Amino acid sequence: MRIAIIGQAAFGAAVYERLRDDGHEIVGVFTAPETGRPDPLAEAARRDGVRVEQPARWQRKGIVDATVFETYASTKPALNVMAFVTQIIPSQVLDFPPQATIQYHPSLLPKHRGRSAINHAIMQGDTETGCTIFWVDAGIDTGPVLLQERCAISENDTVNSLYRERLFPIGVEALTEAVRRIAKGEAPRIAQDESQATYEAPWEGDIARIDWTQAAPRVHDFIRGSDRQPGAWSTIAGPAGDAVKVTLYGSQKAEPDEEAQGQPGSVLAVEAAGLTIRCGRGAVRVDTAKAEGGKRVPAAEWAAAAGVTPGTLLT
């Protein structure tokens, strides 16, 4: 089948390799412009002599860029495969191929629509998630489902570990299987149940400030659901009495020393394994920290540099 891949990064490259291995003809690869390091998908396509296009945008103020569209249309794809897309792709492109467009999404749609689906699944304490391959329509992750695959969320999974260890590999397999079904004429279009739909806004920027008055399970889910991006953060009092920001990673629930005094946010212990911090009920231990403008380091190393000891209050 003649396929145009719209995507980027390692996930897009892995999908590209699998579809090539399955004997499909990749007629064009469309990625966002590279800034800094080369994009793995673009590099794989260039290596094989496949056409690579990197439009800065597909449309301006809702009007499709005619030159970009003509370049895309000239590849004459039978199917668009969207693998890790961050740009807005116009409906004129989505509807162009005879077989239309399919896309990977890292949740069990219709739950957790939106680009921060993995973050929100963890922060909400879900114990199961998965991926959905769906037919793209004009909505945000609203199109008919082609197939889904499920996976567990373990107690200490972070966004990074869940994506890397489970959602990435099952996503590559699911997209590959979806294309096989389309090629055989056996791909369903199952309408999403709107009564079960949830949409969460992007979890990014300076949004993830920790509320230490929450119970430990909630704080734990919040930290790991923000790990590594955007990063859950708190502050301590600096030398001049100013608030100094620190971002925390690698949370685990901990058993606090009930004799240790302190309000929510108090550091109960500083050990090689990390910092134990009291919550509204219970405690968590974080193993990594990053001072504002600095690098991620073991939490005990950051504590020593910042003068953090048992009794220090994070606010």
Protein backbone atom coordinates (compact mmCIF):
# COMPACT_ATOMS: atom_id res chain seq x y z
CA MET A 1 0.00 0.00 0.00
CA ARG A 2 1.19 3.54 -0.75
CA ILE A 3 1.55 5.26 2.61
CA ALA A 4 2.42 8.78 3.70
CA ILE A 5 3.75 8.95 7.26
CA ILE A 6 3.09 12.16 9.17
CA GLY A 7 4.98 12.22 12.45
CA GLN A 8 8.35 12.50 14.10
CA ALA A 9 10.79 11.23 16.70
CA ALA A 10 11.73 7.68 17.64
CA PHE A 11 8.12 6.49 17.57
CA GLY A 12 7.61 7.71 14.01
CA ALA A 13 10.89 6.07 12.97
CA ALA A 14 9.89 2.73 14.53
CA VAL A 15 6.53 2.79 12.72
CA TYR A 16 8.30 3.65 9.46
CA GLU A 17 10.66 0.68 9.82
CA ARG A 18 7.84 -1.78 10.57
CA LEU A 19 5.71 -0.64 7.65
CA ARG A 20 8.71 -0.87 5.31
CA ASP A 21 9.45 -4.37 6.63
CA ASP A 22 5.84 -5.32 5.88
CA GLY A 23 6.41 -4.40 2.24
CA HIS A 24 4.44 -1.16 2.12
CA GLU A 25 5.65 1.66 -0.11
CA ILE A 26 6.36 4.77 1.92
CA VAL A 27 5.77 7.52 -0.66
CA GLY A 28 6.56 10.43 1.62
CA VAL A 29 7.51 11.35 5.17
CA PHE A 30 6.19 14.62 6.58
CA THR A 31 7.79 15.87 9.80
CA ALA A 32 8.06 19.13 11.67
CA PRO A 33 11.20 21.18 10.90
CA GLU A 34 14.28 19.91 12.71
CA THR A 35 15.77 22.15 15.36
CA GLY A 36 19.07 21.02 16.78
CA ARG A 37 19.35 17.23 16.65
CA PRO A 38 18.21 15.41 13.48
CA ASP A 39 14.77 13.83 13.67
CA PRO A 40 14.96 10.00 13.75
CA LEU A 41 12.03 9.57 11.34
CA ALA A 42 13.47 12.03 8.83
CA GLU A 43 16.89 10.39 9.11
CA ALA A 44 15.48 6.91 8.46
CA ALA A 45 13.61 8.12 5.39
CA ARG A 46 16.62 9.97 3.98
CA ARG A 47 18.75 6.87 4.45
CA ASP A 48 16.34 4.92 2.24
CA GLY A 49 15.92 7.66 -0.35
CA VAL A 50 12.31 8.32 0.67
CA ARG A 51 11.01 11.83 0.10
CA VAL A 52 11.11 13.98 3.25
CA GLU A 53 9.17 17.22 3.61
CA GLN A 54 9.25 19.43 6.70
CA PRO A 55 6.65 22.19 6.41
CA ALA A 56 6.74 24.79 9.17
CA ARG A 57 2.93 24.72 9.07
CA TRP A 58 0.25 23.16 6.89
CA GLN A 59 -2.11 26.11 7.02
CA ARG A 60 -2.25 29.78 7.96
CA LYS A 61 -5.31 31.24 9.71
CA GLY A 62 -7.33 28.18 8.72
CA ILE A 63 -6.35 28.36 5.03
CA VAL A 64 -4.36 25.44 3.65
CA ASP A 65 -0.93 26.37 2.30
CA ALA A 66 -1.37 25.55 -1.41
CA THR A 67 2.32 24.80 -1.99
CA VAL A 68 2.53 22.44 0.98
CA PHE A 69 -0.67 20.66 -0.05
CA GLU A 70 0.44 20.25 -3.67
CA THR A 71 3.75 18.79 -2.49
CA TYR A 72 1.89 16.33 -0.26
CA ALA A 73 -0.72 15.43 -2.89
CA SER A 74 1.96 14.73 -5.49
CA THR A 75 3.04 11.66 -3.48
CA LYS A 76 -0.42 10.10 -4.14
CA PRO A 77 -0.78 8.12 -0.90
CA ALA A 78 -3.52 5.55 -0.45
CA LEU A 79 -3.37 6.05 3.33
CA ASN A 80 -1.99 8.57 5.82
CA VAL A 81 -0.45 7.13 8.99
CA MET A 82 -0.02 9.67 11.80
CA ALA A 83 2.69 8.65 14.26
CA PHE A 84 3.50 11.25 16.96
CA VAL A 85 2.05 14.36 15.33
CA THR A 86 2.31 17.77 16.99
CA GLN A 87 1.28 19.98 14.07
CA ILE A 88 -2.31 20.75 13.07
CA ILE A 89 -3.06 18.80 9.90
CA PRO A 90 -5.90 20.26 7.77
CA SER A 91 -8.91 18.14 6.80
CA GLN A 92 -7.99 18.55 3.14
CA VAL A 93 -4.92 16.42 3.85
CA LEU A 94 -6.67 14.00 6.21
CA ASP A 95 -9.39 13.22 3.66
CA PHE A 96 -7.17 13.13 0.57
CA PRO A 97 -6.12 9.45 0.43
CA PRO A 98 -8.71 6.87 -0.68
CA GLN A 99 -8.24 5.09 2.67
CA ALA A 100 -8.19 8.40 4.64
CA THR A 101 -6.04 8.76 7.78
CA ILE A 102 -5.35 6.73 10.91
CA GLN A 103 -3.62 7.88 14.09
CA TYR A 104 -2.12 6.50 17.28
CA HIS A 105 -3.30 7.83 20.65
CA PRO A 106 -1.85 6.71 24.03
CA SER A 107 -5.10 6.04 25.89
CA LEU A 108 -8.18 3.86 25.67
CA LEU A 109 -10.42 6.32 23.87
CA PRO A 110 -12.82 7.92 24.51
CA LYS A 111 -11.09 8.29 27.91
CA HIS A 112 -8.25 10.83 28.15
CA ARG A 113 -8.57 12.70 24.89
CA GLY A 114 -5.92 15.36 24.40
CA ARG A 115 -2.17 15.45 24.05
CA SER A 116 -1.39 14.88 27.76
CA ALA A 117 -3.27 11.59 28.03
CA ILE A 118 -0.44 9.69 29.73
CA ASN A 119 0.05 12.37 32.39
CA HIS A 120 -3.63 12.45 33.29
CA ALA A 121 -4.04 8.67 33.41
CA ILE A 122 -1.30 8.44 36.03
CA MET A 123 -2.37 11.53 37.99
CA GLN A 124 -5.92 10.18 38.22
CA GLY A 125 -4.65 6.91 39.68
CA ASP A 126 -5.64 4.69 36.74
CA THR A 127 -4.26 1.16 36.97
CA GLU A 128 -4.84 0.37 33.29
CA THR A 129 -4.39 2.25 30.05
CA GLY A 130 -3.48 1.36 26.50
CA CYS A 131 -3.43 2.72 22.99
CA THR A 132 -6.06 3.39 20.38
CA ILE A 133 -5.70 3.46 16.61
CA PHE A 134 -8.54 5.56 15.23
CA TRP A 135 -9.78 7.10 12.00
CA VAL A 136 -9.07 10.82 12.19
CA ASP A 137 -11.94 13.27 11.88
CA ALA A 138 -12.31 17.00 12.58
CA GLY A 139 -12.49 16.59 16.37
CA ILE A 140 -9.75 16.10 18.97
CA ASP A 141 -9.29 12.31 19.21
CA THR A 142 -12.98 11.76 18.41
CA GLY A 143 -12.86 9.58 15.30
CA PRO A 144 -14.07 5.97 15.00
CA VAL A 145 -11.88 3.34 16.64
CA LEU A 146 -10.05 0.81 14.47
CA LEU A 147 -8.39 -1.18 17.28
CA GLN A 148 -7.19 -0.91 20.87
CA GLU A 149 -4.51 -2.60 23.00
CA ARG A 150 -4.44 -2.55 26.81
CA CYS A 151 -1.60 -2.45 29.34
CA ALA A 152 -1.17 -2.06 33.08
CA ILE A 153 0.02 1.03 34.94
CA SER A 154 2.21 -0.10 37.82
CA GLU A 155 2.30 1.62 41.19
CA ASN A 156 5.53 3.51 40.51
CA ASP A 157 5.25 4.09 36.76
CA THR A 158 6.09 7.55 35.52
CA VAL A 159 5.04 9.13 32.23
CA ASN A 160 8.50 8.28 30.91
CA SER A 161 8.57 4.63 32.02
CA LEU A 162 5.00 3.89 30.95
CA TYR A 163 5.53 5.33 27.49
CA ARG A 164 8.96 3.84 26.91
CA GLU A 165 8.31 0.34 28.28
CA ARG A 166 4.70 -0.25 27.19
CA LEU A 167 2.87 2.41 25.20
CA PHE A 168 5.68 2.88 22.66
CA PRO A 169 6.10 -0.81 21.72
CA ILE A 170 2.40 -1.69 21.75
CA GLY A 171 1.69 1.45 19.72
CA VAL A 172 4.11 0.41 16.98
CA GLU A 173 2.55 -3.06 16.88
CA ALA A 174 -0.99 -1.65 16.88
CA LEU A 175 -0.35 0.76 13.99
CA THR A 176 1.30 -2.03 12.02
CA GLU A 177 -1.66 -4.34 12.61
CA ALA A 178 -4.11 -1.56 11.74
CA VAL A 179 -2.46 -1.06 8.35
CA ARG A 180 -2.58 -4.81 7.73
CA ARG A 181 -6.33 -4.82 8.41
CA ILE A 182 -6.87 -1.84 6.11
CA ALA A 183 -4.90 -3.55 3.33
CA LYS A 184 -7.11 -6.64 3.73
CA GLY A 185 -10.32 -4.60 3.80
CA GLU A 186 -11.00 -5.79 7.36
CA ALA A 187 -10.64 -2.55 9.34
CA PRO A 188 -13.68 -1.61 11.45
CA ARG A 189 -14.97 1.87 12.28
CA ILE A 190 -16.38 1.68 15.80
CA ALA A 191 -18.02 4.88 17.02
CA GLN A 192 -16.70 6.18 20.34
CA ASP A 193 -19.15 6.23 23.25
CA GLU A 194 -19.49 9.95 23.95
CA SER A 195 -21.09 9.26 27.34
CA GLN A 196 -17.70 7.89 28.48
CA ALA A 197 -15.56 10.63 26.92
CA THR A 198 -13.10 12.73 28.89
CA TYR A 199 -10.82 15.48 27.66
CA GLU A 200 -8.00 16.99 29.70
CA ALA A 201 -6.13 20.15 28.85
CA PRO A 202 -2.41 19.97 28.05
CA TRP A 203 -0.29 19.33 31.14
CA GLU A 204 2.67 21.56 30.39
CA GLY A 205 4.46 24.74 31.37
CA ASP A 206 4.68 25.83 35.00
CA ILE A 207 1.47 24.09 36.02
CA ALA A 208 2.56 21.22 38.28
CA ARG A 209 2.98 22.77 41.74
CA ILE A 210 2.69 20.15 44.48
CA ASP A 211 0.00 20.49 47.15
CA TRP A 212 1.55 18.77 50.17
CA THR A 213 -1.75 18.86 52.09
CA GLN A 214 -3.06 16.09 49.84
CA ALA A 215 -2.80 12.47 51.01
CA ALA A 216 0.36 10.61 49.99
CA PRO A 217 -1.30 8.53 47.22
CA ARG A 218 -2.51 11.71 45.52
CA VAL A 219 0.86 13.45 45.85
CA HIS A 220 2.64 10.31 44.60
CA ASP A 221 0.39 10.10 41.52
CA PHE A 222 0.83 13.84 40.89
CA ILE A 223 4.63 13.69 40.95
CA ARG A 224 4.95 10.60 38.77
CA GLY A 225 2.23 11.87 36.41
CA SER A 226 4.39 14.96 35.84
CA ASP A 227 7.67 12.99 35.54
CA ARG A 228 9.61 13.98 33.48
CA GLN A 229 7.52 16.67 31.83
CA PRO A 230 6.43 19.20 32.93
CA GLY A 231 7.96 18.27 36.29
CA ALA A 232 6.23 18.53 39.68
CA TRP A 233 7.72 21.31 41.77
CA SER A 234 7.75 22.97 45.15
CA THR A 235 9.75 25.71 46.86
CA ILE A 236 11.99 26.14 49.89
CA ALA A 237 13.10 29.32 51.60
CA GLY A 238 16.35 30.57 50.13
CA PRO A 239 19.26 32.26 51.98
CA ALA A 240 17.66 35.67 51.53
CA GLY A 241 14.22 34.45 52.56
CA ASP A 242 13.09 34.21 48.94
CA ALA A 243 11.30 31.17 47.52
CA VAL A 244 13.66 28.82 45.67
CA LYS A 245 12.06 26.40 43.22
CA VAL A 246 12.91 22.68 43.08
CA THR A 247 11.48 20.05 40.75
CA LEU A 248 11.09 16.52 42.14
CA TYR A 249 11.15 13.14 40.40
CA GLY A 250 11.09 9.43 41.16
CA SER A 251 8.31 9.31 43.75
CA GLN A 252 7.45 6.31 45.89
CA LYS A 253 5.02 6.09 48.77
CA ALA A 254 6.84 5.93 52.12
CA GLU A 255 5.99 5.01 55.68
CA PRO A 256 6.60 8.15 57.78
CA ASP A 257 8.11 8.05 61.22
CA GLU A 258 5.01 8.81 63.25
CA GLU A 259 7.17 10.35 65.99
CA ALA A 260 8.70 12.83 63.55
CA GLN A 261 7.12 16.23 63.88
CA GLY A 262 6.20 18.51 61.02
CA GLN A 263 3.42 19.87 58.89
CA PRO A 264 2.66 18.81 55.30
CA GLY A 265 5.72 19.53 53.17
CA SER A 266 8.20 18.92 56.00
CA VAL A 267 11.28 16.91 55.13
CA LEU A 268 11.31 13.90 57.47
CA ALA A 269 14.53 12.25 56.32
CA VAL A 270 17.45 12.85 53.97
CA GLU A 271 19.05 9.56 52.94
CA ALA A 272 20.97 8.12 50.02
CA ALA A 273 17.68 6.68 48.73
CA GLY A 274 16.12 10.15 48.63
CA LEU A 275 14.06 12.66 50.58
CA THR A 276 11.08 11.55 52.63
CA ILE A 277 8.47 14.31 52.76
CA ARG A 278 5.32 14.44 54.86
CA CYS A 279 1.98 14.81 53.10
CA GLY A 280 -1.45 15.60 54.51
CA ARG A 281 -1.66 11.89 55.32
CA GLY A 282 1.34 9.62 54.91
CA ALA A 283 4.57 10.50 53.12
CA VAL A 284 6.41 10.12 49.83
CA ARG A 285 10.07 9.63 49.01
CA VAL A 286 11.63 11.28 45.94
CA ASP A 287 14.97 10.11 44.60
CA THR A 288 15.85 12.91 42.16
CA ALA A 289 15.68 16.69 42.26
CA LYS A 290 16.51 19.64 40.02
CA ALA A 291 17.17 23.15 41.22
CA GLU A 292 15.83 25.88 38.95
CA GLY A 293 18.31 26.33 36.13
CA GLY A 294 20.26 23.22 37.18
CA LYS A 295 20.43 19.55 36.22
CA ARG A 296 18.67 16.52 37.66
CA VAL A 297 20.77 15.05 40.48
CA PRO A 298 20.16 12.56 43.31
CA ALA A 299 17.81 14.19 45.79
CA ALA A 300 20.32 13.78 48.64
CA GLU A 301 22.95 15.62 46.58
CA TRP A 302 20.55 18.49 45.94
CA ALA A 303 19.60 18.57 49.63
CA ALA A 304 23.21 18.87 50.70
CA ALA A 305 23.85 21.72 48.26
CA ALA A 306 20.64 23.54 49.24
CA GLY A 307 21.06 23.07 52.99
CA VAL A 308 17.97 20.91 53.25
CA THR A 309 17.76 18.83 56.44
CA PRO A 310 14.99 17.08 58.39
CA GLY A 311 12.53 19.80 59.35
CA THR A 312 13.02 21.89 56.20
CA LEU A 313 9.61 22.90 54.84
CA LEU A 314 8.65 22.63 51.17
CA THR A 315 5.75 24.93 50.39
